Amino acid sequence: MNCRRTGGLYERWRRPDTGEVIQTFTVLTVPANELCRGIHNGGKNPFRMPLIIGRDNEERWLDHSLKTEEVKQLMIPFDTDRMDAYPIGKDFLKKSADDPGIVARVAEVKQRR
């Protein structure tokens, strides 16, 4: 399976009142590309997709010295031609994370771009 890397923010901080260490993470989103526009099209923020970091930008994304403008240059929709989408079974939440059936195609219908 070809894994994608999603862009996000991670922070570890200590609550001043209790001293408890809190770890937080958020997935960043960008405007949806043509392929994803039909998948995530509802809610308060329609037509968005996770920020996907291409292999060619992995090291750059993790560079703590990046300036705001450099980060913004990386926050673009992933190339539609490098993606695929297909329906999966509705019971995927009932399966274990290592079950290959989670990503099994239920139909050979590729979304049109």
N, C-alpha and C. Protein backbone atom coordinates (compact mmCIF):
# COMPACT_ATOMS: atom_id res chain seq x y z
N MET A 1 0.84 -1.17 0.00
CA MET A 1 0.00 0.00 0.00
C MET A 1 0.90 1.24 0.00
N ASN A 2 0.51 2.22 -0.75
CA ASN A 2 1.25 3.47 -0.83
C ASN A 2 0.69 4.44 0.19
N CYS A 3 1.43 4.68 1.25
CA CYS A 3 0.95 5.56 2.32
C CYS A 3 1.21 7.01 1.98
N ARG A 4 0.34 7.85 2.47
CA ARG A 4 0.47 9.30 2.31
C ARG A 4 0.83 9.90 3.65
N ARG A 5 1.51 11.00 3.60
CA ARG A 5 1.86 11.72 4.81
C ARG A 5 0.98 12.96 4.89
N THR A 6 0.29 13.11 5.99
CA THR A 6 -0.58 14.27 6.15
C THR A 6 0.15 15.33 6.97
N GLY A 7 -0.09 16.58 6.60
CA GLY A 7 0.51 17.69 7.32
C GLY A 7 -0.31 18.00 8.56
N GLY A 8 0.36 18.19 9.65
CA GLY A 8 -0.34 18.50 10.89
C GLY A 8 0.54 19.29 11.83
N LEU A 9 -0.04 19.60 12.95
CA LEU A 9 0.69 20.30 14.00
C LEU A 9 0.63 19.45 15.26
N TYR A 10 1.74 19.35 15.95
CA TYR A 10 1.85 18.57 17.17
C TYR A 10 2.43 19.47 18.24
N GLU A 11 1.88 19.35 19.43
CA GLU A 11 2.41 20.13 20.54
C GLU A 11 2.33 19.32 21.82
N ARG A 12 3.33 19.45 22.63
CA ARG A 12 3.37 18.83 23.95
C ARG A 12 3.58 19.96 24.95
N TRP A 13 2.67 20.05 25.90
CA TRP A 13 2.75 21.14 26.86
C TRP A 13 2.29 20.67 28.23
N ARG A 14 2.60 21.45 29.22
CA ARG A 14 2.26 21.10 30.60
C ARG A 14 1.20 22.05 31.12
N ARG A 15 0.14 21.48 31.65
CA ARG A 15 -0.92 22.31 32.26
C ARG A 15 -0.35 23.01 33.49
N PRO A 16 -0.47 24.31 33.55
CA PRO A 16 0.10 25.03 34.69
C PRO A 16 -0.59 24.71 36.01
N ASP A 17 -1.88 24.37 35.97
CA ASP A 17 -2.61 24.13 37.22
C ASP A 17 -2.38 22.74 37.81
N THR A 18 -2.10 21.74 36.93
CA THR A 18 -1.94 20.37 37.44
C THR A 18 -0.57 19.77 37.17
N GLY A 19 0.17 20.36 36.23
CA GLY A 19 1.47 19.79 35.87
C GLY A 19 1.35 18.64 34.88
N GLU A 20 0.11 18.26 34.53
CA GLU A 20 -0.11 17.16 33.59
C GLU A 20 0.44 17.52 32.21
N VAL A 21 1.13 16.55 31.58
CA VAL A 21 1.65 16.76 30.24
C VAL A 21 0.54 16.41 29.24
N ILE A 22 0.25 17.34 28.36
CA ILE A 22 -0.80 17.18 27.37
C ILE A 22 -0.14 17.11 25.99
N GLN A 23 -0.54 16.13 25.19
CA GLN A 23 -0.06 16.02 23.82
C GLN A 23 -1.25 16.25 22.89
N THR A 24 -1.11 17.17 21.98
CA THR A 24 -2.19 17.48 21.06
C THR A 24 -1.69 17.38 19.62
N PHE A 25 -2.62 17.10 18.72
CA PHE A 25 -2.30 16.96 17.31
C PHE A 25 -3.51 17.39 16.50
N THR A 26 -3.27 18.06 15.40
CA THR A 26 -4.35 18.42 14.50
C THR A 26 -3.90 18.17 13.06
N VAL A 27 -4.82 17.72 12.23
CA VAL A 27 -4.55 17.54 10.81
C VAL A 27 -4.95 18.82 10.10
N LEU A 28 -4.04 19.36 9.32
CA LEU A 28 -4.32 20.58 8.56
C LEU A 28 -5.09 20.24 7.30
N THR A 29 -5.97 21.14 6.88
CA THR A 29 -6.72 20.94 5.66
C THR A 29 -6.45 22.07 4.68
N VAL A 30 -6.66 21.76 3.40
CA VAL A 30 -6.50 22.72 2.31
C VAL A 30 -7.73 22.58 1.42
N PRO A 31 -7.93 23.51 0.47
CA PRO A 31 -9.05 23.34 -0.46
C PRO A 31 -8.95 22.00 -1.19
N ALA A 32 -10.08 21.36 -1.41
CA ALA A 32 -10.10 20.04 -2.05
C ALA A 32 -9.68 20.12 -3.51
N ASN A 33 -8.93 19.10 -3.96
CA ASN A 33 -8.64 18.99 -5.39
C ASN A 33 -9.87 18.37 -6.06
N GLU A 34 -9.82 18.21 -7.36
CA GLU A 34 -10.98 17.71 -8.12
C GLU A 34 -11.44 16.34 -7.61
N LEU A 35 -10.50 15.46 -7.31
CA LEU A 35 -10.85 14.10 -6.88
C LEU A 35 -11.55 14.11 -5.53
N CYS A 36 -11.07 14.92 -4.60
CA CYS A 36 -11.62 14.93 -3.24
C CYS A 36 -12.85 15.81 -3.09
N ARG A 37 -13.08 16.68 -4.02
CA ARG A 37 -14.21 17.61 -3.91
C ARG A 37 -15.54 16.86 -3.75
N GLY A 38 -15.69 15.74 -4.44
CA GLY A 38 -16.92 14.98 -4.35
C GLY A 38 -17.01 14.07 -3.13
N ILE A 39 -15.92 13.92 -2.42
CA ILE A 39 -15.90 13.03 -1.25
C ILE A 39 -16.24 13.79 0.02
N HIS A 40 -15.55 14.87 0.28
CA HIS A 40 -15.79 15.67 1.49
C HIS A 40 -16.49 16.94 1.06
N ASN A 41 -17.81 16.89 1.00
CA ASN A 41 -18.54 18.03 0.47
C ASN A 41 -19.65 18.52 1.39
N GLY A 42 -19.53 18.24 2.66
CA GLY A 42 -20.57 18.68 3.58
C GLY A 42 -20.00 19.28 4.85
N GLY A 43 -20.87 19.57 5.76
CA GLY A 43 -20.45 20.11 7.05
C GLY A 43 -20.16 21.60 7.01
N LYS A 44 -19.50 22.06 8.03
CA LYS A 44 -19.21 23.49 8.16
C LYS A 44 -18.12 23.95 7.19
N ASN A 45 -17.25 23.03 6.78
CA ASN A 45 -16.13 23.38 5.90
C ASN A 45 -16.12 22.47 4.68
N PRO A 46 -17.06 22.66 3.77
CA PRO A 46 -17.11 21.76 2.60
C PRO A 46 -15.95 22.00 1.65
N PHE A 47 -15.74 21.02 0.83
CA PHE A 47 -14.72 21.09 -0.23
C PHE A 47 -13.32 21.32 0.32
N ARG A 48 -12.95 20.50 1.29
CA ARG A 48 -11.60 20.54 1.83
C ARG A 48 -11.05 19.12 1.84
N MET A 49 -9.76 19.01 2.03
CA MET A 49 -9.09 17.72 2.12
C MET A 49 -7.91 17.86 3.06
N PRO A 50 -7.42 16.74 3.59
CA PRO A 50 -6.22 16.84 4.43
C PRO A 50 -5.04 17.34 3.60
N LEU A 51 -4.15 18.06 4.24
CA LEU A 51 -2.91 18.46 3.60
C LEU A 51 -2.06 17.21 3.45
N ILE A 52 -1.77 16.83 2.23
CA ILE A 52 -0.92 15.65 1.96
C ILE A 52 0.44 16.16 1.53
N ILE A 53 1.47 15.68 2.21
CA ILE A 53 2.84 16.08 1.92
C ILE A 53 3.47 15.03 1.01
N GLY A 54 3.88 15.46 -0.17
CA GLY A 54 4.55 14.55 -1.10
C GLY A 54 5.93 14.16 -0.60
N ARG A 55 6.42 13.03 -1.06
CA ARG A 55 7.75 12.57 -0.62
C ARG A 55 8.83 13.62 -0.88
N ASP A 56 8.67 14.36 -1.97
CA ASP A 56 9.66 15.37 -2.32
C ASP A 56 9.70 16.54 -1.34
N ASN A 57 8.69 16.67 -0.48
CA ASN A 57 8.66 17.77 0.48
C ASN A 57 8.66 17.32 1.94
N GLU A 58 8.84 16.03 2.19
CA GLU A 58 8.80 15.51 3.57
C GLU A 58 9.81 16.21 4.48
N GLU A 59 11.05 16.21 4.08
CA GLU A 59 12.10 16.80 4.94
C GLU A 59 11.86 18.29 5.11
N ARG A 60 11.45 18.93 4.05
CA ARG A 60 11.19 20.38 4.12
C ARG A 60 10.06 20.66 5.12
N TRP A 61 8.99 19.87 5.08
CA TRP A 61 7.86 20.07 5.98
C TRP A 61 8.29 19.96 7.45
N LEU A 62 9.21 19.08 7.73
CA LEU A 62 9.66 18.84 9.10
C LEU A 62 10.74 19.82 9.57
N ASP A 63 11.15 20.73 8.70
CA ASP A 63 12.20 21.69 9.03
C ASP A 63 11.62 22.78 9.94
N HIS A 64 12.07 22.81 11.18
CA HIS A 64 11.56 23.77 12.17
C HIS A 64 11.94 25.21 11.86
N SER A 65 12.87 25.41 10.95
CA SER A 65 13.30 26.79 10.66
C SER A 65 12.50 27.43 9.52
N LEU A 66 11.50 26.72 8.98
CA LEU A 66 10.70 27.28 7.89
C LEU A 66 10.01 28.56 8.32
N LYS A 67 10.00 29.51 7.44
CA LYS A 67 9.28 30.77 7.66
C LYS A 67 7.83 30.58 7.25
N THR A 68 6.95 31.46 7.70
CA THR A 68 5.52 31.36 7.42
C THR A 68 5.25 31.24 5.92
N GLU A 69 5.89 32.05 5.12
CA GLU A 69 5.66 32.01 3.67
C GLU A 69 6.08 30.67 3.07
N GLU A 70 7.14 30.07 3.59
CA GLU A 70 7.60 28.77 3.09
C GLU A 70 6.60 27.67 3.45
N VAL A 71 6.01 27.77 4.63
CA VAL A 71 4.98 26.81 5.03
C VAL A 71 3.77 26.95 4.13
N LYS A 72 3.35 28.17 3.87
CA LYS A 72 2.19 28.42 3.00
C LYS A 72 2.39 27.83 1.61
N GLN A 73 3.62 27.86 1.10
CA GLN A 73 3.91 27.30 -0.22
C GLN A 73 3.69 25.79 -0.25
N LEU A 74 3.81 25.13 0.89
CA LEU A 74 3.60 23.68 0.97
C LEU A 74 2.14 23.32 1.19
N MET A 75 1.33 24.29 1.56
CA MET A 75 -0.07 24.02 1.90
C MET A 75 -0.96 24.18 0.67
N ILE A 76 -0.82 23.23 -0.24
CA ILE A 76 -1.58 23.23 -1.49
C ILE A 76 -2.26 21.88 -1.65
N PRO A 77 -3.34 21.80 -2.40
CA PRO A 77 -3.99 20.51 -2.64
C PRO A 77 -3.03 19.55 -3.34
N PHE A 78 -3.06 18.29 -2.95
CA PHE A 78 -2.21 17.26 -3.55
C PHE A 78 -2.64 17.03 -5.00
N ASP A 79 -1.68 16.70 -5.83
CA ASP A 79 -1.91 16.49 -7.26
C ASP A 79 -2.92 15.36 -7.49
N THR A 80 -4.02 15.68 -8.13
CA THR A 80 -5.09 14.71 -8.40
C THR A 80 -4.57 13.50 -9.17
N ASP A 81 -3.63 13.71 -10.08
CA ASP A 81 -3.10 12.61 -10.89
C ASP A 81 -2.29 11.62 -10.08
N ARG A 82 -1.93 11.97 -8.86
CA ARG A 82 -1.16 11.06 -8.00
C ARG A 82 -2.04 10.38 -6.96
N MET A 83 -3.37 10.47 -7.15
CA MET A 83 -4.31 9.90 -6.19
C MET A 83 -5.31 8.98 -6.89
N ASP A 84 -6.00 8.20 -6.08
CA ASP A 84 -7.08 7.34 -6.55
C ASP A 84 -8.14 7.34 -5.46
N ALA A 85 -9.37 7.10 -5.84
CA ALA A 85 -10.45 6.99 -4.86
C ALA A 85 -11.41 5.91 -5.33
N TYR A 86 -11.94 5.16 -4.39
CA TYR A 86 -12.89 4.11 -4.71
C TYR A 86 -13.72 3.80 -3.47
N PRO A 87 -14.93 3.27 -3.68
CA PRO A 87 -15.79 2.95 -2.52
C PRO A 87 -15.25 1.76 -1.73
N ILE A 88 -15.43 1.82 -0.41
CA ILE A 88 -15.09 0.70 0.47
C ILE A 88 -16.35 0.31 1.23
N GLY A 89 -16.31 -0.83 1.90
CA GLY A 89 -17.47 -1.32 2.63
C GLY A 89 -17.86 -0.41 3.78
N LYS A 90 -19.15 -0.36 4.06
CA LYS A 90 -19.64 0.50 5.14
C LYS A 90 -19.32 -0.06 6.52
N ASP A 91 -18.86 -1.29 6.60
CA ASP A 91 -18.56 -1.91 7.89
C ASP A 91 -17.10 -1.73 8.30
N PHE A 92 -16.37 -0.81 7.66
CA PHE A 92 -14.95 -0.66 7.96
C PHE A 92 -14.68 -0.28 9.42
N LEU A 93 -15.60 0.39 10.07
CA LEU A 93 -15.39 0.76 11.46
C LEU A 93 -15.49 -0.43 12.41
N LYS A 94 -16.07 -1.51 11.95
CA LYS A 94 -16.23 -2.70 12.78
C LYS A 94 -15.02 -3.62 12.69
N LYS A 95 -14.10 -3.33 11.77
CA LYS A 95 -12.93 -4.20 11.55
C LYS A 95 -11.73 -3.68 12.32
N SER A 96 -10.77 -4.58 12.56
CA SER A 96 -9.55 -4.15 13.24
C SER A 96 -8.68 -3.36 12.27
N ALA A 97 -7.80 -2.56 12.82
CA ALA A 97 -6.97 -1.67 12.00
C ALA A 97 -6.07 -2.42 11.04
N ASP A 98 -5.71 -3.67 11.35
CA ASP A 98 -4.81 -4.42 10.45
C ASP A 98 -5.57 -5.35 9.50
N ASP A 99 -6.87 -5.25 9.44
CA ASP A 99 -7.69 -6.06 8.54
C ASP A 99 -7.58 -5.49 7.12
N PRO A 100 -7.06 -6.27 6.16
CA PRO A 100 -6.93 -5.75 4.80
C PRO A 100 -8.28 -5.44 4.15
N GLY A 101 -9.35 -5.96 4.70
CA GLY A 101 -10.68 -5.69 4.16
C GLY A 101 -11.13 -4.25 4.32
N ILE A 102 -10.43 -3.50 5.18
CA ILE A 102 -10.79 -2.09 5.40
C ILE A 102 -10.71 -1.30 4.10
N VAL A 103 -9.70 -1.57 3.31
CA VAL A 103 -9.50 -0.79 2.08
C VAL A 103 -9.87 -1.57 0.82
N ALA A 104 -10.54 -2.69 0.97
CA ALA A 104 -10.94 -3.48 -0.20
C ALA A 104 -12.01 -2.74 -0.99
N ARG A 105 -11.83 -2.73 -2.29
CA ARG A 105 -12.82 -2.10 -3.17
C ARG A 105 -14.11 -2.90 -3.14
N VAL A 106 -15.24 -2.20 -3.02
CA VAL A 106 -16.52 -2.89 -3.11
C VAL A 106 -17.07 -2.81 -4.52
N ALA A 107 -16.48 -1.94 -5.33
CA ALA A 107 -16.87 -1.82 -6.73
C ALA A 107 -15.70 -1.25 -7.50
N GLU A 108 -15.60 -1.60 -8.73
CA GLU A 108 -14.51 -1.09 -9.56
C GLU A 108 -14.93 0.20 -10.25
N VAL A 109 -15.41 1.14 -9.47
CA VAL A 109 -15.85 2.41 -10.01
C VAL A 109 -14.88 3.48 -9.53
N LYS A 110 -14.07 3.98 -10.42
CA LYS A 110 -13.15 5.05 -10.07
C LYS A 110 -13.85 6.39 -10.28
N GLN A 111 -13.69 7.29 -9.33
CA GLN A 111 -14.32 8.60 -9.46
C GLN A 111 -13.76 9.31 -10.68
N ARG A 112 -14.63 9.97 -11.39
CA ARG A 112 -14.23 10.76 -12.56
C ARG A 112 -13.65 12.09 -12.11
N ARG A 113 -12.67 12.55 -12.79
CA ARG A 113 -12.05 13.84 -12.47
C ARG A 113 -12.61 14.91 -13.33
